Amino acid sequence: MKHMNVNDYKKYISAETMMEPNSVRILEELFDKYPLQLTSDDLILDLGCGKGLTSLIIAKETGAKVYANDLWINADENKKRFAVWGIGRQVIPVCEDANNLHDANNLHFEEKKFSALISINSYHYFAGHEGFFKRKILPYLKDGSVVLIGVPGLKDEYEGRAEELLSDWLGDDAYIFKSPKTWEALSLLCDRSACVVEIKINDIYNKGSNYDI
């Protein structure tokens, strides 16, 4: 996998496509640290793809076929966007529409379908409780697959009154922010994931990266 050049994607970045913190930069750092060795025969699940910007980059950088999954963005809307971007045959939108609800708690895929799962700026909204990864994600991953997750969070666990102060600031959403150590523990609470699925959880903000483009 070659080094990702962020400048290749500037024309796709706009207020419309950028729904969360800079997903392009986050993907760049993840791919730099954990380059994926995949082919056009491999399938990747982009979990929480939003308006498809991450799916575009994943498809272009890996050459694999991407399933673009999101709860809030309609599949037909993303399908039109992917066609305009020239990736309509490589990226398959699997999102909420009138006939099909594919949220992270209700996925419908064949078992051991995906060679990799990538989730940028979304995993913390739905996966922060014990057993989620084992029940909802792991069945769809092949043996030897890789999971790359990029989410906002805490460098360390709550200390002292930190949890109380964070709750005052974020309200009911405070619980979704966790440290890399906590995320790793939540993801590895099953024998199979520890043995055959390689999970990459890293504090990519330690570099002091500039996430502006």
C-alpha atoms as a PDB file:
ATOM      1  CA  MET A   1       0.000   0.000   0.000  1.00  0.00           C
ATOM      2  CA  LYS A   2       1.512   3.313  -1.084  1.00  0.00           C
ATOM      3  CA  HIS A   3       1.638   6.366   1.159  1.00  0.00           C
ATOM      4  CA  MET A   4      -1.646   8.238   1.052  1.00  0.00           C
ATOM      5  CA  ASN A   5      -1.475  11.783  -0.339  1.00  0.00           C
ATOM      6  CA  VAL A   6      -4.132  13.982   1.274  1.00  0.00           C
ATOM      7  CA  ASN A   7      -3.933  16.434  -1.615  1.00  0.00           C
ATOM      8  CA  ASP A   8      -5.456  13.807  -3.884  1.00  0.00           C
ATOM      9  CA  TYR A   9      -8.761  14.256  -2.054  1.00  0.00           C
ATOM     10  CA  LYS A  10      -9.011  18.020  -1.595  1.00  0.00           C
ATOM     11  CA  LYS A  11     -11.601  18.378  -4.343  1.00  0.00           C
ATOM     12  CA  TYR A  12     -13.918  15.983  -2.508  1.00  0.00           C
ATOM     13  CA  ILE A  13     -13.744  17.791   0.829  1.00  0.00           C
ATOM     14  CA  SER A  14     -16.541  20.256   1.533  1.00  0.00           C
ATOM     15  CA  ALA A  15     -19.005  21.282   4.208  1.00  0.00           C
ATOM     16  CA  GLU A  16     -21.378  18.746   2.657  1.00  0.00           C
ATOM     17  CA  THR A  17     -19.087  15.707   2.790  1.00  0.00           C
ATOM     18  CA  MET A  18     -17.189  16.470   6.022  1.00  0.00           C
ATOM     19  CA  MET A  19     -19.620  15.526   8.786  1.00  0.00           C
ATOM     20  CA  GLU A  20     -17.151  15.049  11.666  1.00  0.00           C
ATOM     21  CA  PRO A  21     -13.543  15.947  12.611  1.00  0.00           C
ATOM     22  CA  ASN A  22     -11.202  15.632   9.661  1.00  0.00           C
ATOM     23  CA  SER A  23     -11.690  12.033   8.599  1.00  0.00           C
ATOM     24  CA  VAL A  24      -9.207  12.425   5.738  1.00  0.00           C
ATOM     25  CA  ARG A  25      -6.324  13.219   8.065  1.00  0.00           C
ATOM     26  CA  ILE A  26      -7.335  10.462  10.473  1.00  0.00           C
ATOM     27  CA  LEU A  27      -7.368   7.913   7.656  1.00  0.00           C
ATOM     28  CA  GLU A  28      -4.008   9.184   6.470  1.00  0.00           C
ATOM     29  CA  GLU A  29      -2.424   8.529   9.857  1.00  0.00           C
ATOM     30  CA  LEU A  30      -4.054   5.125  10.268  1.00  0.00           C
ATOM     31  CA  PHE A  31      -2.958   3.997   6.812  1.00  0.00           C
ATOM     32  CA  ASP A  32       0.525   5.362   7.436  1.00  0.00           C
ATOM     33  CA  LYS A  33       0.845   3.351  10.644  1.00  0.00           C
ATOM     34  CA  TYR A  34      -1.071   0.298   9.484  1.00  0.00           C
ATOM     35  CA  PRO A  35      -0.852  -0.092   5.690  1.00  0.00           C
ATOM     36  CA  LEU A  36      -3.344  -2.644   4.418  1.00  0.00           C
ATOM     37  CA  GLN A  37      -2.246  -5.292   1.962  1.00  0.00           C
ATOM     38  CA  LEU A  38      -5.496  -6.009   0.138  1.00  0.00           C
ATOM     39  CA  THR A  39      -6.627  -6.788  -3.394  1.00  0.00           C
ATOM     40  CA  SER A  40      -9.711  -6.188  -5.512  1.00  0.00           C
ATOM     41  CA  ASP A  41     -11.047  -9.521  -4.243  1.00  0.00           C
ATOM     42  CA  ASP A  42     -11.149  -8.296  -0.632  1.00  0.00           C
ATOM     43  CA  LEU A  43     -14.178  -6.677   0.978  1.00  0.00           C
ATOM     44  CA  ILE A  44     -14.001  -3.838   3.523  1.00  0.00           C
ATOM     45  CA  LEU A  45     -16.824  -2.623   5.748  1.00  0.00           C
ATOM     46  CA  ASP A  46     -16.753   1.148   6.279  1.00  0.00           C
ATOM     47  CA  LEU A  47     -18.914   1.359   9.401  1.00  0.00           C
ATOM     48  CA  GLY A  48     -20.451   4.800   9.876  1.00  0.00           C
ATOM     49  CA  CYS A  49     -19.428   6.141   6.474  1.00  0.00           C
ATOM     50  CA  GLY A  50     -21.500   9.324   6.612  1.00  0.00           C
ATOM     51  CA  LYS A  51     -21.682  10.847   3.135  1.00  0.00           C
ATOM     52  CA  GLY A  52     -19.092   8.473   1.795  1.00  0.00           C
ATOM     53  CA  LEU A  53     -15.865  10.467   1.926  1.00  0.00           C
ATOM     54  CA  THR A  54     -14.099   7.779   3.935  1.00  0.00           C
ATOM     55  CA  SER A  55     -15.437   5.081   1.614  1.00  0.00           C
ATOM     56  CA  LEU A  56     -14.019   6.922  -1.388  1.00  0.00           C
ATOM     57  CA  ILE A  57     -10.572   7.117   0.182  1.00  0.00           C
ATOM     58  CA  ILE A  58     -10.599   3.518   1.405  1.00  0.00           C
ATOM     59  CA  ALA A  59     -11.542   2.290  -2.074  1.00  0.00           C
ATOM     60  CA  LYS A  60      -8.922   4.410  -3.821  1.00  0.00           C
ATOM     61  CA  GLU A  61      -6.125   3.597  -1.396  1.00  0.00           C
ATOM     62  CA  THR A  62      -6.701  -0.151  -1.005  1.00  0.00           C
ATOM     63  CA  GLY A  63      -8.217  -1.212  -4.323  1.00  0.00           C
ATOM     64  CA  ALA A  64     -10.691  -3.388  -2.425  1.00  0.00           C
ATOM     65  CA  LYS A  65     -14.465  -3.332  -2.703  1.00  0.00           C
ATOM     66  CA  VAL A  66     -16.070  -1.253   0.054  1.00  0.00           C
ATOM     67  CA  TYR A  67     -19.456  -1.614   1.728  1.00  0.00           C
ATOM     68  CA  ALA A  68     -20.398   1.893   2.876  1.00  0.00           C
ATOM     69  CA  ASN A  69     -22.666   1.579   5.898  1.00  0.00           C
ATOM     70  CA  ASP A  70     -24.408   4.432   7.695  1.00  0.00           C
ATOM     71  CA  LEU A  71     -27.555   4.871   9.755  1.00  0.00           C
ATOM     72  CA  TRP A  72     -28.353   8.491   8.943  1.00  0.00           C
ATOM     73  CA  ILE A  73     -27.525   8.935   5.263  1.00  0.00           C
ATOM     74  CA  ASN A  74     -29.847   7.379   2.704  1.00  0.00           C
ATOM     75  CA  ALA A  75     -28.348   4.678   0.486  1.00  0.00           C
ATOM     76  CA  ASP A  76     -29.681   6.233  -2.718  1.00  0.00           C
ATOM     77  CA  GLU A  77     -28.109   9.563  -1.816  1.00  0.00           C
ATOM     78  CA  ASN A  78     -24.701   7.953  -1.358  1.00  0.00           C
ATOM     79  CA  LYS A  79     -25.152   5.844  -4.491  1.00  0.00           C
ATOM     80  CA  LYS A  80     -25.585   8.993  -6.588  1.00  0.00           C
ATOM     81  CA  ARG A  81     -22.546  10.575  -4.971  1.00  0.00           C
ATOM     82  CA  PHE A  82     -20.417   7.480  -5.613  1.00  0.00           C
ATOM     83  CA  ALA A  83     -21.474   7.476  -9.272  1.00  0.00           C
ATOM     84  CA  VAL A  84     -20.404  11.099  -9.666  1.00  0.00           C
ATOM     85  CA  TRP A  85     -17.078  10.261  -8.015  1.00  0.00           C
ATOM     86  CA  GLY A  86     -16.540   7.369 -10.420  1.00  0.00           C
ATOM     87  CA  ILE A  87     -16.551   4.634  -7.777  1.00  0.00           C
ATOM     88  CA  GLY A  88     -20.078   3.325  -8.246  1.00  0.00           C
ATOM     89  CA  ARG A  89     -18.893  -0.186  -9.110  1.00  0.00           C
ATOM     90  CA  GLN A  90     -16.387  -0.391  -6.267  1.00  0.00           C
ATOM     91  CA  VAL A  91     -18.348   1.077  -3.351  1.00  0.00           C
ATOM     92  CA  ILE A  92     -21.711  -0.351  -2.322  1.00  0.00           C
ATOM     93  CA  PRO A  93     -23.948   1.838  -0.128  1.00  0.00           C
ATOM     94  CA  VAL A  94     -25.657  -0.118   2.639  1.00  0.00           C
ATOM     95  CA  CYS A  95     -27.512   2.520   4.554  1.00  0.00           C
ATOM     96  CA  GLU A  96     -30.911   3.323   5.974  1.00  0.00           C
ATOM     97  CA  ASP A  97     -33.749   3.584   3.502  1.00  0.00           C
ATOM     98  CA  ALA A  98     -37.452   2.914   3.446  1.00  0.00           C
ATOM     99  CA  ASN A  99     -37.049  -0.851   3.145  1.00  0.00           C
ATOM    100  CA  ASN A 100     -33.799  -1.645   4.886  1.00  0.00           C
ATOM    101  CA  LEU A 101     -32.349  -0.629   8.245  1.00  0.00           C
ATOM    102  CA  HIS A 102     -28.658  -1.441   8.494  1.00  0.00           C
ATOM    103  CA  ASP A 103     -27.447   0.206  11.679  1.00  0.00           C
ATOM    104  CA  ALA A 104     -24.492  -1.154  13.638  1.00  0.00           C
ATOM    105  CA  ASN A 105     -26.798  -3.149  15.902  1.00  0.00           C
ATOM    106  CA  ASN A 106     -28.678  -4.740  13.035  1.00  0.00           C
ATOM    107  CA  LEU A 107     -26.192  -5.707  10.328  1.00  0.00           C
ATOM    108  CA  HIS A 108     -27.176  -8.375   7.811  1.00  0.00           C
ATOM    109  CA  PHE A 109     -24.137  -9.848   6.087  1.00  0.00           C
ATOM    110  CA  GLU A 110     -22.768 -13.312   5.523  1.00  0.00           C
ATOM    111  CA  GLU A 111     -20.503 -14.531   8.296  1.00  0.00           C
ATOM    112  CA  LYS A 112     -16.761 -14.000   7.760  1.00  0.00           C
ATOM    113  CA  LYS A 113     -17.407 -11.738   4.778  1.00  0.00           C
ATOM    114  CA  PHE A 114     -14.958  -8.882   5.340  1.00  0.00           C
ATOM    115  CA  SER A 115     -11.159  -8.766   5.235  1.00  0.00           C
ATOM    116  CA  ALA A 116     -11.155  -5.459   7.118  1.00  0.00           C
ATOM    117  CA  LEU A 117     -13.414  -3.132   9.050  1.00  0.00           C
ATOM    118  CA  ILE A 118     -12.723   0.595   9.201  1.00  0.00           C
ATOM    119  CA  SER A 119     -14.699   3.047  11.312  1.00  0.00           C
ATOM    120  CA  ILE A 120     -13.829   6.754  11.479  1.00  0.00           C
ATOM    121  CA  ASN A 121     -15.536   9.192  13.872  1.00  0.00           C
ATOM    122  CA  SER A 122     -18.528   6.932  14.509  1.00  0.00           C
ATOM    123  CA  TYR A 123     -17.640   3.797  16.485  1.00  0.00           C
ATOM    124  CA  HIS A 124     -17.853   5.574  19.846  1.00  0.00           C
ATOM    125  CA  TYR A 125     -21.538   6.354  19.314  1.00  0.00           C
ATOM    126  CA  PHE A 126     -22.703   2.744  19.338  1.00  0.00           C
ATOM    127  CA  ALA A 127     -19.929   0.372  20.437  1.00  0.00           C
ATOM    128  CA  GLY A 128     -18.922   1.476  23.914  1.00  0.00           C
ATOM    129  CA  HIS A 129     -20.380  -1.375  25.935  1.00  0.00           C
ATOM    130  CA  GLU A 130     -19.078  -4.804  26.775  1.00  0.00           C
ATOM    131  CA  GLY A 131     -19.929  -7.520  24.296  1.00  0.00           C
ATOM    132  CA  PHE A 132     -20.794  -5.282  21.344  1.00  0.00           C
ATOM    133  CA  PHE A 133     -17.752  -6.185  19.258  1.00  0.00           C
ATOM    134  CA  LYS A 134     -18.123  -9.899  19.916  1.00  0.00           C
ATOM    135  CA  ARG A 135     -21.840 -10.047  19.118  1.00  0.00           C
ATOM    136  CA  LYS A 136     -22.317  -7.379  16.465  1.00  0.00           C
ATOM    137  CA  ILE A 137     -19.024  -7.103  14.568  1.00  0.00           C
ATOM    138  CA  LEU A 138     -16.842 -10.179  14.943  1.00  0.00           C
ATOM    139  CA  PRO A 139     -19.159 -12.655  13.156  1.00  0.00           C
ATOM    140  CA  TYR A 140     -18.734 -10.748   9.889  1.00  0.00           C
ATOM    141  CA  LEU A 141     -14.919 -10.650   9.947  1.00  0.00           C
ATOM    142  CA  LYS A 142     -12.726 -13.231   8.272  1.00  0.00           C
ATOM    143  CA  ASP A 143      -9.955 -14.933  10.193  1.00  0.00           C
ATOM    144  CA  GLY A 144      -6.879 -12.729   9.867  1.00  0.00           C
ATOM    145  CA  SER A 145      -8.891  -9.578   9.204  1.00  0.00           C
ATOM    146  CA  VAL A 146      -7.845  -6.126  10.416  1.00  0.00           C
ATOM    147  CA  VAL A 147      -9.934  -3.543  12.288  1.00  0.00           C
ATOM    148  CA  LEU A 148      -8.960   0.141  12.109  1.00  0.00           C
ATOM    149  CA  ILE A 149     -10.866   2.518  14.374  1.00  0.00           C
ATOM    150  CA  GLY A 150     -10.413   6.266  14.692  1.00  0.00           C
ATOM    151  CA  VAL A 151     -12.553   8.060  17.286  1.00  0.00           C
ATOM    152  CA  PRO A 152     -12.301  11.120  19.515  1.00  0.00           C
ATOM    153  CA  GLY A 153     -11.603  10.164  23.107  1.00  0.00           C
ATOM    154  CA  LEU A 154      -9.452  10.506  26.188  1.00  0.00           C
ATOM    155  CA  LYS A 155      -5.727   9.870  26.462  1.00  0.00           C
ATOM    156  CA  ASP A 156      -6.201   8.472  29.968  1.00  0.00           C
ATOM    157  CA  GLU A 157      -9.025   7.231  32.153  1.00  0.00           C
ATOM    158  CA  TYR A 158     -11.088   9.572  34.315  1.00  0.00           C
ATOM    159  CA  GLU A 159      -9.358  10.674  37.517  1.00  0.00           C
ATOM    160  CA  GLY A 160     -10.726  12.530  40.497  1.00  0.00           C
ATOM    161  CA  ARG A 161     -13.623  14.750  39.489  1.00  0.00           C
ATOM    162  CA  ALA A 162     -12.829  14.503  35.779  1.00  0.00           C
ATOM    163  CA  GLU A 163     -15.843  12.302  35.020  1.00  0.00           C
ATOM    164  CA  GLU A 164     -18.190  14.681  36.803  1.00  0.00           C
ATOM    165  CA  LEU A 165     -16.733  17.701  34.999  1.00  0.00           C
ATOM    166  CA  LEU A 166     -16.908  15.988  31.625  1.00  0.00           C
ATOM    167  CA  SER A 167     -20.557  15.117  32.261  1.00  0.00           C
ATOM    168  CA  ASP A 168     -21.284  18.761  33.050  1.00  0.00           C
ATOM    169  CA  TRP A 169     -19.701  19.728  29.745  1.00  0.00           C
ATOM    170  CA  LEU A 170     -21.084  17.022  27.445  1.00  0.00           C
ATOM    171  CA  GLY A 171     -24.232  15.951  29.275  1.00  0.00           C
ATOM    172  CA  ASP A 172     -25.503  12.460  28.485  1.00  0.00           C
ATOM    173  CA  ASP A 173     -22.881  11.987  25.748  1.00  0.00           C
ATOM    174  CA  ALA A 174     -19.960  11.984  28.203  1.00  0.00           C
ATOM    175  CA  TYR A 175     -19.939   8.187  28.426  1.00  0.00           C
ATOM    176  CA  ILE A 176     -18.940   7.751  24.759  1.00  0.00           C
ATOM    177  CA  PHE A 177     -15.459   9.211  25.287  1.00  0.00           C
ATOM    178  CA  LYS A 178     -12.997   6.540  26.365  1.00  0.00           C
ATOM    179  CA  SER A 179      -9.240   5.973  26.414  1.00  0.00           C
ATOM    180  CA  PRO A 180      -7.437   3.692  23.905  1.00  0.00           C
ATOM    181  CA  LYS A 181      -6.835   1.255  26.757  1.00  0.00           C
ATOM    182  CA  THR A 182     -10.559   0.978  27.464  1.00  0.00           C
ATOM    183  CA  TRP A 183     -11.415   0.557  23.786  1.00  0.00           C
ATOM    184  CA  GLU A 184      -8.842  -2.204  23.464  1.00  0.00           C
ATOM    185  CA  ALA A 185     -10.289  -4.029  26.456  1.00  0.00           C
ATOM    186  CA  LEU A 186     -13.820  -3.752  25.067  1.00  0.00           C
ATOM    187  CA  SER A 187     -12.726  -5.072  21.674  1.00  0.00           C
ATOM    188  CA  LEU A 188     -10.685  -7.994  22.936  1.00  0.00           C
ATOM    189  CA  LEU A 189     -13.198  -9.538  25.300  1.00  0.00           C
ATOM    190  CA  CYS A 190     -13.481 -12.702  23.232  1.00  0.00           C
ATOM    191  CA  ASP A 191     -11.021 -15.433  22.381  1.00  0.00           C
ATOM    192  CA  ARG A 192     -11.461 -15.350  18.636  1.00  0.00           C
ATOM    193  CA  SER A 193     -10.730 -11.623  18.255  1.00  0.00           C
ATOM    194  CA  ALA A 194      -7.592 -11.959  20.329  1.00  0.00           C
ATOM    195  CA  CYS A 195      -6.361 -14.812  18.140  1.00  0.00           C
ATOM    196  CA  VAL A 196      -7.355 -14.101  14.575  1.00  0.00           C
ATOM    197  CA  VAL A 197      -8.454 -10.484  14.218  1.00  0.00           C
ATOM    198  CA  GLU A 198      -5.804  -7.800  14.418  1.00  0.00           C
ATOM    199  CA  ILE A 199      -7.240  -4.690  16.052  1.00  0.00           C
ATOM    200  CA  LYS A 200      -5.392  -1.405  15.685  1.00  0.00           C
ATOM    201  CA  ILE A 201      -6.246   1.069  18.418  1.00  0.00           C
ATOM    202  CA  ASN A 202      -3.834   3.930  18.732  1.00  0.00           C
ATOM    203  CA  ASP A 203      -3.665   7.466  20.003  1.00  0.00           C
ATOM    204  CA  ILE A 204      -2.973   9.179  16.694  1.00  0.00           C
ATOM    205  CA  TYR A 205      -3.246  12.588  18.321  1.00  0.00           C
ATOM    206  CA  ASN A 206       0.003  12.127  20.238  1.00  0.00           C
ATOM    207  CA  LYS A 207       1.928  13.593  17.305  1.00  0.00           C
ATOM    208  CA  GLY A 208       0.207  16.914  17.742  1.00  0.00           C
ATOM    209  CA  SER A 209      -1.054  16.615  14.181  1.00  0.00           C
ATOM    210  CA  ASN A 210      -2.616  19.514  12.383  1.00  0.00           C
ATOM    211  CA  TYR A 211      -6.000  18.322  11.109  1.00  0.00           C
ATOM    212  CA  ASP A 212      -6.679  21.294   8.860  1.00  0.00           C
ATOM    213  CA  ILE A 213      -6.493  20.908   5.094  1.00  0.00           C
END
